[in-house]
Protein backbone atom coordinates (compact mmCIF):
# COMPACT_ATOMS: atom_id res chain seq x y z
CA UNK A 1 -15.91 38.35 46.79
CA UNK A 2 -15.59 41.83 45.24
CA UNK A 3 -13.25 42.45 42.38
CA UNK A 4 -10.38 44.84 43.11
CA UNK A 5 -11.98 47.44 40.82
CA UNK A 6 -15.26 47.14 42.73
CA UNK A 7 -13.42 47.54 46.02
CA UNK A 8 -11.79 50.76 44.78
CA UNK A 9 -15.10 52.08 43.42
CA UNK A 10 -16.75 51.30 46.77
CA UNK A 11 -14.12 53.35 48.60
CA UNK A 12 -14.56 56.31 46.26
CA UNK A 13 -18.32 56.04 46.72
CA UNK A 14 -17.99 56.00 50.50
CA UNK A 15 -15.82 59.13 50.39
CA UNK A 16 -18.35 60.85 48.11
CA UNK A 17 -21.29 59.95 50.35
CA UNK A 18 -19.43 61.17 53.43
CA UNK A 19 -18.66 64.47 51.72
CA UNK A 20 -22.24 64.86 50.44
CA UNK A 21 -23.75 64.12 53.87
CA UNK A 22 -21.49 66.73 55.40
CA UNK A 23 -23.13 69.45 53.31
CA UNK A 24 -26.65 68.07 53.71
CA UNK A 25 -27.11 66.37 50.32
CA UNK A 26 -29.19 63.26 49.60
CA UNK A 27 -26.53 60.63 48.90
CA UNK A 28 -28.97 58.49 46.90
CA UNK A 29 -28.94 61.15 44.18
CA UNK A 30 -25.21 60.74 43.54
CA UNK A 31 -24.24 59.06 40.26
CA UNK A 32 -22.41 55.74 40.09
CA UNK A 33 -18.63 55.76 40.35
CA UNK A 34 -16.92 55.03 37.03
CA UNK A 35 -13.30 53.86 37.00
CA UNK A 36 -11.07 53.81 33.94
CA UNK A 37 -7.43 53.05 33.25
CA UNK A 38 -5.31 56.24 33.03
CA UNK A 39 -3.86 57.07 29.63
CA UNK A 40 -0.33 56.77 30.98
CA UNK A 41 1.03 54.41 33.63
CA UNK A 42 2.70 57.17 35.65
CA UNK A 43 -0.71 58.77 36.26
CA UNK A 44 -1.75 55.89 38.55
CA UNK A 45 -3.75 52.67 38.58
CA UNK A 46 -7.26 54.09 38.12
CA UNK A 47 -8.86 57.37 37.11
CA UNK A 48 -12.38 58.64 37.77
CA UNK A 49 -14.48 61.51 36.46
CA UNK A 50 -16.87 61.34 39.42
CA UNK A 51 -16.33 64.98 40.35
CA UNK A 52 -17.34 66.06 36.85
CA UNK A 53 -20.47 63.94 36.51
CA UNK A 54 -21.67 64.67 40.06
CA UNK A 55 -21.25 68.44 39.74
CA UNK A 56 -24.81 69.07 38.42
CA UNK A 57 -26.25 67.10 41.36
CA UNK A 58 -23.99 68.48 44.08
CA UNK A 59 -24.15 72.00 42.59
CA UNK A 60 -20.48 72.59 43.29
CA UNK A 61 -17.60 73.14 40.87
CA UNK A 62 -15.97 69.85 39.81
CA UNK A 63 -12.59 70.98 41.11
CA UNK A 64 -14.01 71.62 44.58
CA UNK A 65 -15.67 68.20 44.63
CA UNK A 66 -12.39 66.60 43.52
CA UNK A 67 -10.49 68.34 46.33
CA UNK A 68 -12.97 67.11 48.95
CA UNK A 69 -12.72 63.56 47.59
CA UNK A 70 -8.94 63.65 47.43
CA UNK A 71 -8.75 64.75 51.06
CA UNK A 72 -10.87 61.83 52.24
CA UNK A 73 -9.24 59.23 49.98
CA UNK A 74 -5.77 60.29 51.12
CA UNK A 75 -6.72 59.04 54.58
CA UNK A 76 -7.63 55.62 53.18
CA UNK A 77 -4.72 53.19 53.45
CA UNK A 78 -5.71 51.65 50.12
CA UNK A 79 -4.30 54.68 48.27
CA UNK A 80 -0.68 55.69 47.97
CA UNK A 81 -1.49 58.87 46.07
CA UNK A 82 -4.61 60.73 44.89
CA UNK A 83 -3.95 63.47 42.34
CA UNK A 84 -6.31 66.00 40.77
CA UNK A 85 -5.92 66.58 37.04
CA UNK A 86 -7.52 69.08 34.73
CA UNK A 87 -11.00 70.35 35.60
CA UNK A 88 -11.59 67.65 38.23
CA UNK A 89 -10.34 64.22 37.21
CA UNK A 90 -8.89 62.08 39.99
CA UNK A 91 -5.89 59.80 39.38
CA UNK A 92 -5.62 57.03 41.96
CA UNK A 93 -2.48 55.06 42.81
CA UNK A 94 -2.98 52.02 45.02
CA UNK A 95 -0.72 51.33 47.99
CA UNK A 96 1.64 48.37 48.17
CA UNK A 97 -0.03 47.11 51.35
CA UNK A 98 -3.48 47.17 49.70
CA UNK A 99 -2.19 45.28 46.66
CA UNK A 100 -0.39 42.79 48.90
CA UNK A 101 -3.63 42.06 50.76
CA UNK A 102 -5.42 41.40 47.47
CA UNK A 103 -2.57 39.15 46.39
CA UNK A 104 -2.85 37.22 49.66
CA UNK A 105 -6.59 36.73 49.16
CA UNK A 106 -6.01 35.67 45.58
CA UNK A 107 -3.50 33.02 46.57
CA UNK A 108 -5.68 31.76 49.41
CA UNK A 109 -8.94 31.62 47.40
CA UNK A 110 -8.16 31.87 43.68
CA UNK A 111 -11.59 30.64 42.62
CA UNK A 112 -13.48 33.24 44.65
CA UNK A 113 -11.22 36.00 43.43
CA UNK A 114 -12.29 35.30 39.86
CA UNK A 115 -15.94 35.93 40.70
CA UNK A 116 -17.72 39.18 41.41
CA UNK A 117 -20.55 39.75 43.83
CA UNK A 118 -23.58 40.50 41.66
CA UNK A 119 -25.90 43.16 43.08
CA UNK A 120 -28.88 40.96 42.21
CA UNK A 121 -27.56 37.43 41.62
CA UNK A 122 -29.80 35.30 39.42
CA UNK A 123 -30.13 31.65 38.49
CA UNK A 124 -29.42 31.11 34.80
CA UNK A 125 -30.04 27.97 32.77
CA UNK A 126 -27.97 27.96 29.60
CA UNK A 127 -29.02 25.23 27.19
CA UNK A 128 -26.71 24.67 24.24
CA UNK A 129 -25.42 22.17 21.67
CA UNK A 130 -28.36 19.76 22.23
CA UNK A 131 -27.41 17.77 19.13
CA UNK A 132 -29.51 14.74 18.24
CA UNK A 133 -27.88 11.54 19.55
CA UNK A 134 -27.66 10.11 16.04
CA UNK A 135 -24.19 11.34 15.15
CA UNK A 136 -20.98 12.79 16.58
CA UNK A 137 -20.40 16.43 17.46
CA UNK A 138 -19.30 18.20 14.27
CA UNK A 139 -17.65 21.56 13.59
CA UNK A 140 -21.05 23.25 13.33
CA UNK A 141 -21.95 22.16 16.85
CA UNK A 142 -18.54 23.36 18.03
CA UNK A 143 -19.51 26.98 17.56
CA UNK A 144 -22.48 26.73 19.90
CA UNK A 145 -20.41 24.71 22.35
CA UNK A 146 -17.64 27.32 22.54
CA UNK A 147 -20.05 30.24 22.80
CA UNK A 148 -22.43 28.61 25.28
CA UNK A 149 -19.68 27.51 27.64
CA UNK A 150 -17.95 30.91 27.44
CA UNK A 151 -21.23 32.72 28.13
CA UNK A 152 -21.82 30.48 31.16
CA UNK A 153 -18.32 31.23 32.45
CA UNK A 154 -18.85 34.99 32.06
CA UNK A 155 -22.16 34.84 33.93
CA UNK A 156 -20.53 32.83 36.71
CA UNK A 157 -17.67 35.33 36.92
CA UNK A 158 -20.26 38.10 37.22
CA UNK A 159 -21.62 36.46 40.37
CA UNK A 160 -24.59 34.51 39.02
CA UNK A 161 -25.51 30.86 39.51
CA UNK A 162 -25.35 29.07 36.17
CA UNK A 163 -26.38 25.60 35.10
CA UNK A 164 -25.29 24.17 31.74
CA UNK A 165 -27.79 21.84 30.11
CA UNK A 166 -27.79 19.55 27.07
CA UNK A 167 -31.29 18.65 25.84
CA UNK A 168 -31.20 15.09 24.50
CA UNK A 169 -33.67 14.65 21.63
CA UNK A 170 -34.31 10.98 22.41
CA UNK A 171 -38.05 10.74 21.94
CA UNK A 172 -39.07 7.21 21.00
CA UNK A 173 -41.41 8.64 18.35
CA UNK A 174 -38.63 10.62 16.66
CA UNK A 175 -38.38 9.68 12.99
CA UNK A 176 -34.72 10.73 12.90
CA UNK A 177 -33.85 8.44 15.79
CA UNK A 178 -35.86 5.59 14.25
CA UNK A 179 -33.90 5.92 10.98
CA UNK A 180 -30.63 6.00 12.94
CA UNK A 181 -31.63 2.81 14.78
CA UNK A 182 -32.56 1.06 11.53
CA UNK A 183 -29.27 2.17 9.94
CA UNK A 184 -27.31 0.70 12.85
CA UNK A 185 -29.40 -2.49 12.67
CA UNK A 186 -28.55 -2.87 8.99
CA UNK A 187 -24.80 -2.58 9.67
CA UNK A 188 -25.11 -4.95 12.64
CA UNK A 189 -26.68 -7.62 10.44
CA UNK A 190 -23.99 -7.12 7.79
CA UNK A 191 -21.31 -7.69 10.44
CA UNK A 192 -22.98 -11.05 11.09
CA UNK A 193 -22.88 -11.88 7.37
CA UNK A 194 -26.63 -11.37 7.00
CA UNK A 195 -28.46 -9.23 4.49
CA UNK A 196 -29.13 -5.78 5.83
CA UNK A 197 -32.02 -3.67 4.59
CA UNK A 198 -30.85 -0.07 4.62
CA UNK A 199 -33.71 2.36 5.34
CA UNK A 200 -34.60 5.13 2.93
CA UNK A 201 -33.14 8.37 4.30
CA UNK A 202 -30.89 6.42 6.67
CA UNK A 203 -27.48 7.36 8.07
CA UNK A 204 -24.37 6.25 6.14
CA UNK A 205 -21.40 7.62 8.06
CA UNK A 206 -18.53 5.46 9.29
CA UNK A 207 -19.64 6.23 12.83
CA UNK A 208 -22.76 4.11 12.17
CA UNK A 209 -20.49 1.14 11.47
CA UNK A 210 -18.61 1.88 14.70
CA UNK A 211 -21.83 1.89 16.74
CA UNK A 212 -22.95 -1.39 15.17
CA UNK A 213 -19.57 -2.93 15.96
CA UNK A 214 -19.79 -1.78 19.59
CA UNK A 215 -23.26 -3.27 19.95
CA UNK A 216 -21.97 -6.58 18.63
CA UNK A 217 -19.07 -6.49 21.10
CA UNK A 218 -21.20 -5.46 24.09
CA UNK A 219 -24.45 -7.33 23.43
CA UNK A 220 -23.44 -10.28 21.29
CA UNK A 221 -24.91 -11.66 18.08
CA UNK A 222 -28.43 -12.51 19.28
CA UNK A 223 -30.17 -9.32 18.09
CA UNK A 224 -30.26 -9.74 14.31
CA UNK A 225 -34.05 -10.00 14.30
CA UNK A 226 -34.65 -7.23 16.82
CA UNK A 227 -36.10 -3.93 15.66
CA UNK A 228 -35.79 -0.27 16.68
CA UNK A 229 -37.13 -1.04 20.14
CA UNK A 230 -33.74 -2.63 20.89
CA UNK A 231 -31.39 -0.71 18.60
CA UNK A 232 -32.66 2.83 19.26
CA UNK A 233 -31.97 3.10 23.03
CA UNK A 234 -28.71 1.13 22.79
CA UNK A 235 -27.37 3.03 19.77
CA UNK A 236 -28.29 6.47 21.09
CA UNK A 237 -26.66 5.76 24.46
CA UNK A 238 -23.42 4.79 22.71
CA UNK A 239 -23.64 7.93 20.57
CA UNK A 240 -24.24 10.08 23.65
CA UNK A 241 -21.05 8.70 25.18
CA UNK A 242 -19.12 9.80 22.09
CA UNK A 243 -20.72 13.26 22.23
CA UNK A 244 -20.01 13.59 25.96
CA UNK A 245 -16.39 12.51 25.50
CA UNK A 246 -15.72 14.98 22.67
CA UNK A 247 -17.40 17.88 24.47
CA UNK A 248 -15.49 17.24 27.68
CA UNK A 249 -12.27 17.17 25.69
CA UNK A 250 -13.37 20.54 24.25
CA UNK A 251 -13.65 21.87 27.81
CA UNK A 252 -17.45 21.75 27.96
CA UNK A 253 -18.95 19.86 30.90
CA UNK A 254 -22.73 19.88 31.29
CA UNK A 255 -24.45 19.86 34.66
CA UNK A 256 -27.49 18.13 33.21
CA UNK A 257 -28.21 15.90 30.23
CA UNK A 258 -31.98 16.29 30.04
CA UNK A 259 -33.93 13.55 28.25
CA UNK A 260 -36.83 14.58 26.02
CA UNK A 261 -38.36 11.12 26.49
CA UNK A 262 -38.46 11.69 30.24
CA UNK A 263 -41.07 14.40 29.64
CA UNK A 264 -43.37 11.81 28.06
CA UNK A 265 -42.58 9.15 30.65
CA UNK A 266 -43.46 11.50 33.54
CA UNK A 267 -46.60 12.79 31.84
CA UNK A 268 -45.18 16.33 31.62
CA UNK A 269 -46.17 16.78 27.96
CA UNK A 270 -49.78 15.85 28.61
CA UNK A 271 -49.79 18.03 31.73
CA UNK A 272 -48.64 21.05 29.70
CA UNK A 273 -51.30 20.35 27.06
CA UNK A 274 -54.02 20.15 29.73
CA UNK A 275 -52.80 23.39 31.29
CA UNK A 276 -53.00 25.20 27.94
CA UNK A 277 -56.49 23.77 27.41
CA UNK A 278 -57.58 25.06 30.81
CA UNK A 279 -56.26 28.50 29.97
CA UNK A 280 -58.18 28.50 26.69
CA UNK A 281 -55.14 28.66 24.42
CA UNK A 282 -55.70 25.34 22.62
CA UNK A 283 -58.45 24.68 20.10
CA UNK A 284 -59.42 21.85 17.76
CA UNK A 285 -59.39 22.16 13.97
CA UNK A 286 -59.30 19.39 11.36
CA UNK A 287 -58.91 16.84 14.14
CA UNK A 288 -55.71 18.44 15.46
CA UNK A 289 -55.00 20.55 18.54
CA UNK A 290 -53.73 24.05 17.77
CA UNK A 291 -51.98 26.61 19.97
CA UNK A 292 -53.34 30.18 19.73
CA UNK A 293 -49.81 31.50 19.32
CA UNK A 294 -51.00 34.46 17.20
CA UNK A 295 -52.50 35.87 20.41
CA UNK A 296 -48.90 36.36 21.58
CA UNK A 297 -47.29 37.76 18.44
CA UNK A 298 -46.57 34.64 16.36
CA UNK A 299 -47.37 34.90 12.64
CA UNK A 300 -49.69 31.87 12.71
CA UNK A 301 -51.16 29.34 15.11
CA UNK A 302 -49.19 26.10 15.62
CA UNK A 303 -50.22 22.46 15.75
CA UNK A 304 -49.43 20.89 19.12
CA UNK A 305 -51.07 17.48 18.60
CA UNK A 306 -51.56 16.06 15.11
CA UNK A 307 -54.89 14.65 13.93
CA UNK A 308 -53.53 11.11 14.45
CA UNK A 309 -52.81 11.90 18.12
CA UNK A 310 -49.04 12.25 17.83
CA UNK A 311 -47.56 15.33 19.56
CA UNK A 312 -45.49 17.72 17.45
CA UNK A 313 -42.02 18.90 18.44
CA UNK A 314 -43.43 22.03 20.01
CA UNK A 315 -45.49 19.94 22.46
CA UNK A 316 -42.42 18.50 24.16
CA UNK A 317 -40.60 21.83 23.86
CA UNK A 318 -43.43 23.57 25.72
CA UNK A 319 -43.25 20.95 28.47
CA UNK A 320 -39.46 21.26 28.56
CA UNK A 321 -39.48 25.03 29.02
CA UNK A 322 -42.24 24.74 31.61
CA UNK A 323 -39.96 22.32 33.46
CA UNK A 324 -37.10 24.82 33.25
CA UNK A 325 -39.15 27.58 34.85
CA UNK A 326 -40.60 25.21 37.44
CA UNK A 327 -37.08 24.26 38.51
CA UNK A 328 -36.70 27.83 39.77
CA UNK A 329 -34.47 29.46 37.16
CA UNK A 330 -34.77 33.22 36.81
CA UNK A 331 -33.46 33.38 33.25
CA UNK A 332 -33.44 30.86 30.41
CA UNK A 333 -30.91 31.23 27.62
CA UNK A 334 -31.20 28.86 24.66
CA UNK A 335 -28.44 28.77 22.05
CA UNK A 336 -29.81 27.52 18.75
CA UNK A 337 -28.47 27.00 15.27
CA UNK A 338 -29.48 29.27 12.39
CA UNK A 339 -31.99 26.70 11.10
CA UNK A 340 -34.10 27.27 14.23
CA UNK A 341 -34.40 31.05 13.87
CA UNK A 342 -38.06 30.90 12.83
CA UNK A 343 -38.87 28.82 15.90
CA UNK A 344 -38.26 31.68 18.33
CA UNK A 345 -41.65 33.50 18.07
CA UNK A 346 -43.68 30.33 18.57
CA UNK A 347 -41.60 29.28 21.58
CA UNK A 348 -41.90 32.73 23.15
CA UNK A 349 -45.65 32.65 22.48
CA UNK A 350 -45.99 29.23 24.10
CA UNK A 351 -44.08 30.40 27.18
CA UNK A 352 -46.35 33.41 27.55
CA UNK A 353 -49.45 31.25 27.02
CA UNK A 354 -48.28 29.02 29.87
CA UNK A 355 -48.29 32.09 32.13
CA UNK A 356 -44.55 32.76 32.34
CA UNK A 357 -42.81 36.06 31.64
CA UNK A 358 -41.40 35.71 28.11
CA UNK A 359 -38.79 38.41 28.85
CA UNK A 360 -37.05 35.82 31.06
CA UNK A 361 -36.49 33.69 27.94
CA UNK A 362 -33.76 34.56 25.46
CA UNK A 363 -32.46 32.81 22.36
CA UNK A 364 -29.02 33.36 20.86
CA UNK A 365 -28.77 32.15 17.27
CA UNK A 366 -25.39 30.99 16.01
CA UNK A 367 -24.80 31.30 12.29
CA UNK A 368 -23.57 28.54 10.00
CA UNK A 369 -20.01 27.23 9.97
CA UNK A 370 -18.87 26.33 6.46
CA UNK A 371 -15.93 24.02 5.89
CA UNK A 372 -13.60 24.95 3.05
CA UNK A 373 -11.50 22.34 1.31
CA UNK A 374 -9.17 23.54 -1.44
CA UNK A 375 -10.95 26.88 -1.41
CA UNK A 376 -14.31 25.24 -2.11
CA UNK A 377 -17.20 24.91 0.29
CA UNK A 378 -17.58 21.28 1.34
CA UNK A 379 -21.17 20.23 1.82
CA UNK A 380 -21.67 18.57 5.19
CA UNK A 381 -24.40 16.06 5.92
CA UNK A 382 -24.79 13.82 8.95
CA UNK A 383 -26.91 11.36 6.98
CA UNK A 384 -24.36 10.65 4.27
CA UNK A 385 -21.43 10.95 6.71
CA UNK A 386 -19.78 13.86 4.88
CA UNK A 387 -19.08 16.01 7.89
CA UNK A 388 -16.03 17.20 9.78
CA UNK A 389 -16.12 16.10 13.38
CA UNK A 390 -15.11 18.42 16.21
CA UNK A 391 -12.66 15.74 17.36
CA UNK A 392 -10.87 15.99 13.99
CA UNK A 393 -10.58 19.77 14.38
CA UNK A 394 -9.15 19.36 17.89
CA UNK A 395 -6.66 16.77 16.59
CA UNK A 396 -5.58 19.21 13.89
CA UNK A 397 -5.24 22.50 15.77
CA UNK A 398 -5.76 21.77 19.49
CA UNK A 399 -8.54 22.67 21.91
CA UNK A 400 -7.47 26.22 22.82
CA UNK A 401 -6.96 27.30 19.22
CA UNK A 402 -10.27 25.72 18.20
CA UNK A 403 -12.19 27.54 20.94
CA UNK A 404 -10.48 30.83 20.13
CA UNK A 405 -11.23 30.31 16.44
CA UNK A 406 -14.96 30.02 17.17
CA UNK A 407 -15.01 33.00 19.54
CA UNK A 408 -12.99 35.42 17.42
CA UNK A 409 -16.08 36.29 15.37
CA UNK A 410 -19.57 37.26 16.48
CA UNK A 411 -22.05 34.39 16.44
CA UNK A 412 -24.19 36.63 14.20
CA UNK A 413 -21.70 36.24 11.34
CA UNK A 414 -21.16 33.25 9.08
CA UNK A 415 -17.86 31.49 9.63
CA UNK A 416 -15.56 29.62 7.27
CA UNK A 417 -13.43 26.79 8.63
CA UNK A 418 -10.40 25.90 6.51
């Protein structure tokens, strides 16, 4: 459905084309109709400078063009009054019957009324947050969540089809997820009164204790001798539930939770590697497979498969973005944290090497959120548990205030949270 402003602009355009055709002009040469709010309410509901900007094309004085337009618009029941001001501005006042019809449509179909009809509607995939499932959503993630969801809403309101996606970094070979699993295992054993061996570089937050306690409640006490093969999938699924719950409370609902591990299970990573080999963009050096990313503007080539045969992060990311394009999306928008800024050129290079148009891929980088306590910056770390969770922020100030807080500053700027 058109927006009221678009409807008015369409009517002005129709009047202009009718007038231009009458004097033998090519209507395709006419400029677009621009509507603005008048400086004062008594001047009307909309104003347009169309007569002024079309004068060079029509080769008529702006005032004459304005008079022709006013004559035609006066016959349109949408307008109560059409007044000429100055050298050729038009002030438009809408009729009560026209406004009543829009009100009726709005009450009958409020959802449609909030969306425009895009001239060229596109399918967007907006991927954001995508936090590792080894900890809760914290205030840093909240910034990307607020921005990503708001961007998706704006695109939808503009008439595009938008899908929101959370990329779950759940690869079984992930060292971070292995350490999380071993940390949970340690706490699980301690709950059973057994000695727990805490891993070097493990996760110490209270939420780890909570996950261990849930595993004990849900799966019993028979897993003390099990390793990461049991604790990793169980612990990450419980953590994902916490993340999903907090994000939904924040007003962010994802259409898809896409598993990184699924790319390995389906053979998509190997398929992408073979495709790059066939295109001649992979080469071997020192026993590893390298991507010729410098051929596409990156500052150096990147390792895709290590010398021991293990894929690097970029291998699954290449397969993931290939999957995005193959699902039929016209535009991909990734929202990443500031620590991923240097990753953009290599990802764009990989996309181009795969044969896709890199201009259809865009990354928005959100800057760091610092938490101030007593005027001092509080260091936040997921591993030692010293972080402020998004749920705590929502408890303190509410969802609407929290979202507004994140959106009141550009994502390009650093943000302090008090």
